[in-house]
């Protein structure tokens, strides 16, 4: 081997993994019924009046910068509602979600026993959604949001 990089590449090629680093797929989407304590059923797509109700019932969502957890509206204009105030249901919702979790777990090589858990409901102000949001430190070990 000419370098440590070549040696590392050779060793990494011997690693066998049970799945991929991502999972993707398609399924029929049955829109769930979402209810928020103190507001009631939420229309989808979200109506501006209900977005205002959600924001009024929520608290500012912090974000992490290094070891710090901050609230800075110049960086993130997002609100959060805790999972214990949100109910998601519907006739097809449980079986659809179970199917998505099962296919994701299989694609990632995670095996059985994988469960979906609502962490919190986020409401993003226009233009404030970012796909690079880090998983909160309190939820390390989670594979997705």
Protein backbone atom coordinates (compact mmCIF):
# COMPACT_ATOMS: atom_id res chain seq x y z
CA UNK A 1 0.00 0.00 0.00
CA UNK A 2 1.28 3.44 -0.94
CA UNK A 3 -0.42 5.36 1.81
CA UNK A 4 -2.57 5.17 4.87
CA UNK A 5 -5.53 6.15 2.66
CA UNK A 6 -5.03 3.06 0.50
CA UNK A 7 -4.75 0.87 3.60
CA UNK A 8 -7.90 2.36 5.08
CA UNK A 9 -9.79 1.93 1.81
CA UNK A 10 -8.74 -1.73 1.65
CA UNK A 11 -9.92 -2.38 5.20
CA UNK A 12 -13.22 -0.57 4.66
CA UNK A 13 -13.93 -2.68 1.57
CA UNK A 14 -13.98 -5.77 3.80
CA UNK A 15 -16.75 -4.37 6.03
CA UNK A 16 -20.09 -6.02 5.42
CA UNK A 17 -23.17 -4.02 6.36
CA UNK A 18 -26.75 -5.27 6.57
CA UNK A 19 -28.23 -2.19 4.86
CA UNK A 20 -27.66 1.14 3.20
CA UNK A 21 -27.02 4.54 4.77
CA UNK A 22 -30.43 5.74 3.55
CA UNK A 23 -33.79 4.25 2.64
CA UNK A 24 -36.23 5.53 0.04
CA UNK A 25 -39.50 4.37 -1.40
CA UNK A 26 -43.04 5.22 -2.35
CA UNK A 27 -46.40 4.43 -0.84
CA UNK A 28 -49.99 5.54 -1.14
CA UNK A 29 -50.46 8.47 1.21
CA UNK A 30 -53.60 8.56 3.29
CA UNK A 31 -53.78 11.98 4.92
CA UNK A 32 -54.03 11.50 8.69
CA UNK A 33 -56.30 13.35 11.08
CA UNK A 34 -54.16 15.63 13.22
CA UNK A 35 -55.57 17.06 16.43
CA UNK A 36 -53.81 19.51 18.72
CA UNK A 37 -54.94 19.99 22.31
CA UNK A 38 -56.65 23.35 22.71
CA UNK A 39 -57.07 23.84 18.95
CA UNK A 40 -58.84 20.76 17.60
CA UNK A 41 -58.51 19.12 14.20
CA UNK A 42 -55.94 20.63 11.84
CA UNK A 43 -56.79 21.00 8.15
CA UNK A 44 -54.30 19.78 5.58
CA UNK A 45 -53.00 21.64 3.71
CA UNK A 46 -52.59 23.96 6.69
CA UNK A 47 -54.81 27.03 6.60
CA UNK A 48 -53.27 30.41 7.54
CA UNK A 49 -55.81 30.88 10.37
CA UNK A 50 -54.85 27.52 11.87
CA UNK A 51 -51.15 28.27 11.46
CA UNK A 52 -51.77 31.36 13.59
CA UNK A 53 -53.62 29.24 16.19
CA UNK A 54 -50.75 26.74 16.29
CA UNK A 55 -48.20 29.52 16.77
CA UNK A 56 -50.30 31.08 19.55
CA UNK A 57 -50.41 27.69 21.35
CA UNK A 58 -46.71 26.92 20.80
CA UNK A 59 -43.38 28.05 22.18
CA UNK A 60 -40.31 29.14 20.26
CA UNK A 61 -38.25 26.18 19.08
CA UNK A 62 -34.58 26.33 20.03
CA UNK A 63 -31.73 25.12 17.87
CA UNK A 64 -28.30 23.77 18.69
CA UNK A 65 -25.01 25.50 18.02
CA UNK A 66 -22.19 23.34 19.29
CA UNK A 67 -22.95 22.45 22.90
CA UNK A 68 -25.38 25.37 23.27
CA UNK A 69 -29.15 25.37 22.79
CA UNK A 70 -30.36 28.79 21.64
CA UNK A 71 -33.48 30.70 20.65
CA UNK A 72 -32.61 33.35 18.09
CA UNK A 73 -35.37 34.48 15.72
CA UNK A 74 -32.82 35.96 13.33
CA UNK A 75 -31.57 32.39 12.76
CA UNK A 76 -34.68 30.26 13.20
CA UNK A 77 -38.33 31.40 13.14
CA UNK A 78 -39.89 28.15 14.28
CA UNK A 79 -42.36 27.15 16.98
CA UNK A 80 -42.85 23.79 18.71
CA UNK A 81 -45.72 21.91 20.33
CA UNK A 82 -44.86 18.90 22.49
CA UNK A 83 -45.93 15.46 21.30
CA UNK A 84 -48.19 14.92 24.31
CA UNK A 85 -50.51 17.65 22.95
CA UNK A 86 -50.72 16.15 19.44
CA UNK A 87 -52.82 13.19 18.26
CA UNK A 88 -52.38 11.64 14.83
CA UNK A 89 -54.97 9.10 13.77
CA UNK A 90 -57.10 7.94 10.89
CA UNK A 91 -58.44 4.69 9.53
CA UNK A 92 -55.39 3.99 7.35
CA UNK A 93 -52.77 5.84 9.41
CA UNK A 94 -51.49 2.98 11.66
CA UNK A 95 -51.02 0.46 8.85
CA UNK A 96 -49.48 3.06 6.52
CA UNK A 97 -47.00 4.22 9.16
CA UNK A 98 -46.15 0.62 10.14
CA UNK A 99 -45.41 -0.16 6.48
CA UNK A 100 -43.16 2.88 6.10
CA UNK A 101 -41.24 2.03 9.29
CA UNK A 102 -40.88 -1.62 8.26
CA UNK A 103 -39.51 -0.73 4.81
CA UNK A 104 -37.18 1.92 6.24
CA UNK A 105 -35.84 -0.48 8.88
CA UNK A 106 -35.24 -3.18 6.27
CA UNK A 107 -33.51 -0.73 3.90
CA UNK A 108 -31.25 0.53 6.69
CA UNK A 109 -30.51 -2.99 7.91
CA UNK A 110 -31.93 -2.16 11.35
CA UNK A 111 -33.82 -5.44 11.72
CA UNK A 112 -36.96 -5.72 13.81
CA UNK A 113 -38.16 -3.75 16.78
CA UNK A 114 -37.93 -0.33 15.11
CA UNK A 115 -40.73 2.04 16.13
CA UNK A 116 -41.91 5.48 15.04
CA UNK A 117 -42.39 8.06 17.77
CA UNK A 118 -43.65 11.62 17.43
CA UNK A 119 -41.08 13.91 19.05
CA UNK A 120 -42.81 17.27 18.58
CA UNK A 121 -44.84 19.27 16.07
CA UNK A 122 -42.85 22.07 14.45
CA UNK A 123 -44.38 25.11 12.75
CA UNK A 124 -41.96 26.93 10.46
CA UNK A 125 -42.37 30.56 9.46
CA UNK A 126 -42.22 31.21 5.73
CA UNK A 127 -38.64 30.77 4.51
CA UNK A 128 -37.31 29.33 7.77
CA UNK A 129 -37.32 25.60 6.98
CA UNK A 130 -33.88 24.04 6.61
CA UNK A 131 -33.18 20.47 5.53
CA UNK A 132 -29.89 20.57 7.46
CA UNK A 133 -31.43 20.73 10.92
CA UNK A 134 -29.50 18.50 13.31
CA UNK A 135 -31.15 15.84 15.43
CA UNK A 136 -31.68 17.24 18.92
CA UNK A 137 -29.21 15.99 21.51
CA UNK A 138 -32.12 14.63 23.56
CA UNK A 139 -32.97 12.23 20.71
CA UNK A 140 -29.55 10.79 19.80
CA UNK A 141 -29.94 7.25 18.59
CA UNK A 142 -32.93 8.25 16.45
CA UNK A 143 -32.50 7.66 12.74
CA UNK A 144 -34.91 10.23 11.36
CA UNK A 145 -37.22 13.06 12.27
